[in-house]
Structure formats: C-alpha cells, structure tokens
Amino acid sequence: MKAILFWLFYPLLWVISVLPFPLLYLYSDFLYILAYYIIGYRKKTVRNNLALAFPEKTSQERLVIEKKFYHHMCDMFLEMIKSMNITKKQLLERYKPTNVELVEKYDNKNQSFIIVLGHYASYEWIFALQLYIKQPGYGVYKTIKHKQLDNLIRKIRGRWNTFLIDTKNTIRTINKHQLEGKSAIYGFVADQSPRLHKAHFWTQFLGQEVPFFTGVERMSMQFDLPVVYYNVEKVGRGRYEGTFHTLAEKGDQRQDGEITSMYAQLLEKQIRKEPAYYLWTHRRFKFVGKKEEILKKNKKQQH
C-alpha cells in the first residue's frame, strides 16, 4: 500500500520540482496557510519549545517567531522537493560557503574530516558543498522505513558525489575508509535528543540542561579526525550562506565533552540571532528536569 501511495504522489512531487522559484514560493505560501492555520501541524510542540527557550520574550514576540518559522519550514520542505531537479547553476547561486578555504586545506591534503551542523536554515541543501569540495561526502542519517521514500532521498542527496550512511554503519564505514586509505567528509546533523540509554552527556542549551549526542566527538577522537562546525544563515528566500568554524584540528587534542559543548554553544548563538530558522517541531526539551533520574537509571542498567 505504501508503495502504491508513493507512486501516486510521485508525479506531483516531480511537477513541483520543476516549478520556477517564484511559483514554488507561491505554492509555499499556500502550504503555510494549510499547515499553520488549518492543520496546526505540531503547533503545541513549537509553542512549548519557544516558551522554554525564550521565557524573556513576550507571548506576542514568540508568536512572531512562530509564524515566521512555519513560513520557513514550508519553504524548506518545497526546496527539498526542488532538489530532485535543481540545476548546478541554481545551487551555486543560492547556496554559498563564505570561507571554503578553511576546509580546502583538508581537501588538498586528502585529509578526512567531520562537518557538524544543526537543523537550522537549510540543512537539506548541505549536499551543495560537494560543488565546492573534491572529496566525497557521506551524510549520516537514520534509514527511513518506507523503502521508496528512502531511495528517493538517497537519489536526491546523491546527485553530486554525496552518499548516505545509516547511523548504525557509521563507525564501520569510517574504519573501512581508513583501512583502504580513502579520504572523505562525514556530515552530521547532531542536535537531536539521544535515546534515554545514550543520555550520558548533559550541557546548557537555550537556557535548559539537556542531553546531547556525543557521537561526533567520540568518532573524532577514535579516528583522529578534525571537526568543523558549519553555520548556515538564510540571507533571502531560497538563498543561504554558510561559514565554517574549526572545533578541533585533531580529535585527540580535546578533552571529553569539549567538542560537544563547543558545538552546542555555537548552535545556540546561531539560533538566538534568528530563532525562526531553527526546526522547532521536534521535542527539544523532553528530558528537562529528568537528568538525575535518567543518569541513575542508566547507571543501574550498566551493572
């Protein structure tokens, strides 16, 4: 049944993907009205997140952020579909790293490295970096159970020397590359809340103490890989600029928790500058106030 529904909707996705950008964003405006005013997609979660992250703001100020966020979310959703047929010229015009020379030094030495970013601005067009960098890119993601949809996403993101690897296969893949002497870029969108049994490292984020994934840090140390934070900003509708920041030249030069803390701080700074472009529909603070309980439970399970 899922396969049938997918192929019924696929022609619509294709038509959307070939729309010129002005028409694409006109369609996005309609989608915003549907998602925000009619369906109210995850509106309660968004409001709870904003209230916890910005208690100093008035309800009216948070409402402005909320509406702007839904506009952006609809834009980004359609931009993802547009990726099916977007041209190289269009991507180069609309997605630009401002200081690519910072990572070119790794590229020129065939030095593998890690890029980490949050669900901010355009993380869907991150594959556009392959138009500026020679090494192949490997995006770490969780395989989608819907086979046809998963294949489509792999196809979209793999148009320019980018490949997707499931989270479960990340360490195995990096290890294989190193044994073969193959260099690559490994990309992580690493701001999701970890599962309870993996909630070991906690840090301050948007005024709340929350657990963060430490996978990037652990892999950096295990394989001695540099880590670069990629700050993407929305500079216009469908236009983005990114800036690289080095978190670690070599993983073994950092203390436990240092890379993860630096990442959380840079992401928070980015969000506070323009909150509307962060993905607020996820439950960002579901473990707030539960640190001691979770750590105690995890410790008990280890024994």
Protein backbone atom coordinates (compact mmCIF):
# COMPACT_ATOMS: atom_id res chain seq x y z
CA MET A 1 0.00 0.00 0.00
CA LYS A 2 2.82 2.43 0.89
CA ALA A 3 4.48 1.78 -2.45
CA ILE A 4 1.24 2.43 -4.33
CA LEU A 5 0.66 5.71 -2.49
CA PHE A 6 4.21 6.78 -3.18
CA TRP A 7 3.91 6.23 -6.93
CA LEU A 8 0.56 8.01 -6.96
CA PHE A 9 2.14 11.09 -5.35
CA TYR A 10 5.46 10.94 -7.20
CA PRO A 11 4.18 12.75 -10.33
CA LEU A 12 3.06 15.65 -8.11
CA LEU A 13 6.49 15.80 -6.48
CA TRP A 14 8.13 15.85 -9.91
CA VAL A 15 5.89 18.67 -11.13
CA ILE A 16 6.70 20.72 -8.00
CA SER A 17 10.42 20.08 -8.53
CA VAL A 18 10.40 21.68 -11.98
CA LEU A 19 8.48 24.81 -10.96
CA PRO A 20 10.39 28.08 -11.29
CA PHE A 21 11.28 29.51 -7.89
CA PRO A 22 8.64 32.31 -7.89
CA LEU A 23 5.88 29.72 -8.41
CA LEU A 24 7.48 27.37 -5.90
CA TYR A 25 7.27 30.00 -3.17
CA LEU A 26 3.73 30.95 -4.15
CA TYR A 27 2.84 27.32 -3.53
CA SER A 28 4.77 27.50 -0.25
CA ASP A 29 2.59 30.43 0.88
CA PHE A 30 -0.49 28.29 0.32
CA LEU A 31 1.15 25.37 2.17
CA TYR A 32 1.87 27.70 5.11
CA ILE A 33 -1.82 28.60 5.46
CA LEU A 34 -2.72 24.91 5.35
CA ALA A 35 -0.04 23.76 7.83
CA TYR A 36 -0.36 26.64 10.30
CA TYR A 37 -3.98 27.81 10.29
CA ILE A 38 -5.90 24.72 9.17
CA ILE A 39 -3.92 21.66 10.31
CA GLY A 40 -1.95 23.35 13.09
CA TYR A 41 0.95 20.97 12.50
CA ARG A 42 2.73 20.35 15.85
CA LYS A 43 1.81 23.85 16.96
CA LYS A 44 1.68 22.85 20.64
CA THR A 45 5.23 21.45 20.49
CA VAL A 46 6.53 24.57 18.75
CA ARG A 47 4.94 26.86 21.36
CA ASN A 48 6.26 24.81 24.28
CA ASN A 49 9.77 24.84 22.80
CA LEU A 50 9.73 28.59 22.23
CA ALA A 51 8.38 29.28 25.73
CA LEU A 52 11.19 27.24 27.30
CA ALA A 53 13.91 28.68 25.05
CA PHE A 54 12.80 32.33 25.28
CA PRO A 55 10.99 32.95 28.58
CA GLU A 56 12.23 36.56 28.50
CA LYS A 57 10.19 37.28 25.36
CA THR A 58 6.52 38.23 25.44
CA SER A 59 3.91 35.86 24.03
CA GLN A 60 3.44 38.26 21.12
CA GLU A 61 7.17 38.22 20.33
CA ARG A 62 7.18 34.42 20.39
CA LEU A 63 4.12 34.38 18.12
CA VAL A 64 6.03 36.42 15.53
CA ILE A 65 8.87 33.87 15.67
CA GLU A 66 6.36 31.03 15.44
CA LYS A 67 4.69 32.28 12.27
CA LYS A 68 8.00 33.10 10.63
CA PHE A 69 9.21 29.60 11.48
CA TYR A 70 6.22 27.96 9.76
CA HIS A 71 6.81 30.07 6.66
CA HIS A 72 10.44 28.95 6.60
CA MET A 73 9.56 25.31 7.28
CA CYS A 74 7.22 25.26 4.26
CA ASP A 75 9.87 26.93 2.09
CA MET A 76 12.46 24.36 3.13
CA PHE A 77 10.08 21.45 2.55
CA LEU A 78 9.49 22.58 -1.03
CA GLU A 79 13.18 23.31 -1.51
CA MET A 80 13.83 19.69 -0.59
CA ILE A 81 11.42 18.60 -3.35
CA LYS A 82 13.01 21.11 -5.73
CA SER A 83 16.29 19.26 -5.15
CA MET A 84 15.00 16.49 -7.42
CA ASN A 85 15.62 18.69 -10.47
CA ILE A 86 17.55 21.71 -9.26
CA THR A 87 20.45 22.59 -11.55
CA LYS A 88 24.08 23.03 -10.61
CA LYS A 89 23.87 26.70 -11.65
CA GLN A 90 20.85 27.30 -9.39
CA LEU A 91 22.57 25.69 -6.41
CA LEU A 92 25.75 27.69 -6.90
CA GLU A 93 23.69 30.89 -6.99
CA ARG A 94 21.58 30.05 -3.94
CA TYR A 95 23.90 28.15 -1.58
CA LYS A 96 27.33 29.64 -0.94
CA PRO A 97 30.01 28.87 1.67
CA THR A 98 31.77 32.13 2.57
CA ASN A 99 35.12 30.71 3.73
CA VAL A 100 35.56 27.43 1.89
CA GLU A 101 39.34 27.89 2.14
CA LEU A 102 39.10 26.73 5.78
CA VAL A 103 38.21 23.20 4.64
CA GLU A 104 40.13 23.29 1.37
CA LYS A 105 43.31 22.72 3.37
CA TYR A 106 41.93 19.28 4.33
CA ASP A 107 40.67 18.70 0.81
CA ASN A 108 44.06 19.46 -0.73
CA LYS A 109 45.80 17.03 1.65
CA ASN A 110 43.14 14.32 1.15
CA GLN A 111 42.51 14.60 4.89
CA SER A 112 39.17 13.22 6.05
CA PHE A 113 37.19 15.46 8.38
CA ILE A 114 33.79 15.82 10.04
CA ILE A 115 31.24 18.56 9.36
CA VAL A 116 28.61 19.07 12.04
CA LEU A 117 25.56 21.34 11.92
CA GLY A 118 22.10 21.71 13.41
CA HIS A 119 18.59 21.65 11.98
CA TYR A 120 18.92 25.30 11.09
CA ALA A 121 18.27 27.31 7.89
CA SER A 122 18.94 24.85 5.05
CA TYR A 123 20.36 21.54 6.18
CA GLU A 124 18.59 19.88 3.21
CA TRP A 125 20.91 21.58 0.70
CA ILE A 126 24.08 20.63 2.57
CA PHE A 127 24.96 18.35 -0.37
CA ALA A 128 25.67 21.54 -2.34
CA LEU A 129 29.04 21.66 -0.56
CA GLN A 130 30.17 18.91 -2.92
CA LEU A 131 30.18 21.53 -5.67
CA TYR A 132 33.00 23.27 -3.77
CA ILE A 133 34.89 20.30 -2.30
CA LYS A 134 36.63 17.44 -4.14
CA GLN A 135 36.33 14.68 -1.55
CA PRO A 136 33.17 12.55 -1.49
CA GLY A 137 30.66 13.41 1.21
CA TYR A 138 28.92 10.89 3.48
CA GLY A 139 25.81 12.13 5.25
CA VAL A 140 24.94 10.21 8.40
CA TYR A 141 21.20 9.62 8.74
CA LYS A 142 18.64 7.17 10.02
CA THR A 143 17.26 4.94 7.26
CA ILE A 144 13.59 5.62 6.51
CA LYS A 145 11.42 2.51 6.79
CA HIS A 146 9.44 3.48 3.68
CA LYS A 147 11.69 1.90 1.03
CA GLN A 148 10.60 4.03 -1.95
CA LEU A 149 10.87 7.29 0.00
CA ASP A 150 14.27 6.29 1.37
CA ASN A 151 15.50 5.51 -2.15
CA LEU A 152 14.23 8.88 -3.40
CA ILE A 153 16.04 10.78 -0.63
CA ARG A 154 19.24 8.85 -1.34
CA LYS A 155 18.90 9.72 -5.03
CA ILE A 156 18.26 13.42 -4.35
CA ARG A 157 21.16 13.84 -1.95
CA GLY A 158 23.50 11.73 -4.05
CA ARG A 159 23.39 13.84 -7.20
CA TRP A 160 26.83 15.40 -6.64
CA ASN A 161 29.23 12.91 -5.06
CA THR A 162 27.28 12.61 -1.80
CA PHE A 163 26.26 9.33 -0.19
CA LEU A 164 24.09 8.46 2.79
CA ILE A 165 25.11 6.02 5.50
CA ASP A 166 22.88 4.77 8.28
CA THR A 167 23.87 5.74 11.82
CA LYS A 168 24.45 2.08 12.66
CA ASN A 169 27.06 1.77 9.89
CA THR A 170 28.99 5.00 10.54
CA ILE A 171 31.93 3.64 12.54
CA ARG A 172 32.22 0.63 10.26
CA THR A 173 32.28 2.89 7.18
CA ILE A 174 34.91 5.30 8.56
CA ASN A 175 37.08 2.40 9.68
CA LYS A 176 36.80 0.79 6.22
CA HIS A 177 37.77 4.06 4.54
CA GLN A 178 40.82 4.45 6.75
CA LEU A 179 41.97 0.89 6.14
CA GLU A 180 41.61 1.49 2.39
CA GLY A 181 43.39 4.86 2.58
CA LYS A 182 40.28 6.63 1.30
CA SER A 183 39.55 10.20 2.38
CA ALA A 184 36.02 11.58 2.80
CA ILE A 185 33.86 14.16 4.53
CA TYR A 186 31.40 12.91 7.14
CA GLY A 187 28.38 15.11 7.77
CA PHE A 188 26.28 15.03 10.94
CA VAL A 189 23.12 16.95 11.87
CA ALA A 190 23.65 16.38 15.57
CA ASP A 191 21.11 18.33 17.63
CA GLN A 192 18.51 15.62 18.16
CA SER A 193 17.82 14.35 21.67
CA PRO A 194 19.54 11.00 22.22
CA ARG A 195 17.67 7.95 23.42
CA LEU A 196 17.43 7.55 27.17
CA HIS A 197 20.14 4.90 27.43
CA LYS A 198 22.52 7.19 25.50
CA ALA A 199 21.78 10.34 27.51
CA HIS A 200 25.16 10.49 29.27
CA PHE A 201 26.44 13.97 28.43
CA TRP A 202 24.40 17.00 29.53
CA THR A 203 25.03 20.66 28.82
CA GLN A 204 23.27 24.02 28.84
CA PHE A 205 21.37 24.76 25.65
CA LEU A 206 18.93 27.65 25.23
CA GLY A 207 18.67 28.07 28.98
CA GLN A 208 17.94 24.41 29.70
CA GLU A 209 20.13 21.49 30.73
CA VAL A 210 19.68 18.83 28.07
CA PRO A 211 21.50 15.70 26.86
CA PHE A 212 23.47 15.85 23.60
CA PHE A 213 24.76 13.17 21.28
CA THR A 214 28.49 12.67 21.70
CA GLY A 215 28.93 10.50 18.60
CA VAL A 216 30.78 13.19 16.62
CA GLU A 217 33.21 13.76 19.47
CA ARG A 218 33.83 10.06 20.01
CA MET A 219 34.43 9.40 16.31
CA SER A 220 36.73 12.41 16.07
CA MET A 221 38.83 11.03 18.92
CA GLN A 222 38.68 7.41 17.75
CA PHE A 223 39.79 8.18 14.19
CA ASP A 224 41.73 11.38 14.90
CA LEU A 225 39.56 13.49 12.60
CA PRO A 226 39.24 17.29 12.54
CA VAL A 227 35.75 18.62 13.33
CA VAL A 228 34.27 21.66 11.61
CA TYR A 229 31.04 23.41 12.57
CA TYR A 230 29.02 24.73 9.63
CA ASN A 231 26.92 27.81 10.39
CA VAL A 232 24.26 28.24 7.68
CA GLU A 233 22.35 31.53 7.51
CA LYS A 234 19.28 32.38 5.46
CA VAL A 235 20.10 35.58 3.58
CA GLY A 236 16.99 35.65 1.38
CA ARG A 237 14.14 33.42 0.32
CA GLY A 238 15.80 30.30 -1.04
CA ARG A 239 19.26 31.79 -0.54
CA TYR A 240 21.78 30.62 2.04
CA GLU A 241 25.34 31.33 3.08
CA GLY A 242 27.47 29.13 5.30
CA THR A 243 30.53 29.79 7.44
CA PHE A 244 32.94 27.12 8.68
CA HIS A 245 34.32 27.16 12.25
CA THR A 246 37.02 24.74 13.39
CA LEU A 247 36.09 22.88 16.58
CA ALA A 248 39.11 20.57 16.62
CA GLU A 249 42.10 20.10 14.31
CA LYS A 250 42.64 16.67 15.75
CA GLY A 251 40.17 14.83 17.94
CA ASP A 252 42.76 13.66 20.46
CA GLN A 253 43.67 17.28 21.27
CA ARG A 254 40.35 17.89 23.06
CA GLN A 255 39.04 16.91 26.48
CA ASP A 256 35.92 14.77 26.93
CA GLY A 257 32.82 16.86 26.29
CA GLU A 258 34.74 19.82 24.87
CA ILE A 259 33.80 19.39 21.21
CA THR A 260 30.15 18.70 22.06
CA SER A 261 29.97 21.75 24.34
CA MET A 262 31.52 23.99 21.68
CA TYR A 263 29.03 22.70 19.14
CA ALA A 264 26.08 23.37 21.45
CA GLN A 265 27.30 26.91 22.18
CA LEU A 266 27.77 27.80 18.50
CA LEU A 267 24.37 26.39 17.59
CA GLU A 268 22.71 28.34 20.41
CA LYS A 269 24.40 31.55 19.30
CA GLN A 270 23.13 30.93 15.78
CA ILE A 271 19.56 30.30 16.99
CA ARG A 272 19.42 33.33 19.26
CA LYS A 273 20.49 35.55 16.36
CA GLU A 274 17.46 34.48 14.29
CA PRO A 275 15.24 31.93 16.11
CA ALA A 276 12.70 31.44 13.30
CA TYR A 277 15.06 29.33 11.17
CA TYR A 278 15.53 26.52 13.70
CA LEU A 279 13.44 23.34 13.47
CA TRP A 280 11.08 23.78 16.43
CA THR A 281 8.68 20.94 15.60
CA HIS A 282 10.89 18.39 17.42
CA ARG A 283 10.59 17.95 21.19
CA ARG A 284 13.85 19.69 22.04
CA PHE A 285 13.39 19.73 25.82
CA LYS A 286 11.60 16.47 26.59
CA PHE A 287 14.23 15.43 29.18
CA VAL A 288 14.41 18.76 31.04
CA GLY A 289 14.32 18.21 34.80
CA LYS A 290 14.96 14.47 34.46
CA LYS A 291 18.77 14.41 34.47
CA GLU A 292 19.34 12.74 37.84
CA GLU A 293 16.57 10.21 37.24
CA ILE A 294 17.93 9.26 33.79
CA LEU A 295 21.58 9.08 34.89
CA LYS A 296 20.64 6.93 37.87
CA LYS A 297 18.61 4.58 35.67
CA ASN A 298 21.39 4.30 33.07
CA LYS A 299 23.97 3.60 35.79
CA LYS A 300 21.78 0.85 37.25
CA GLN A 301 21.36 -0.78 33.81
CA GLN A 302 25.14 -0.86 33.31
CA HIS A 303 25.61 -3.02 36.37
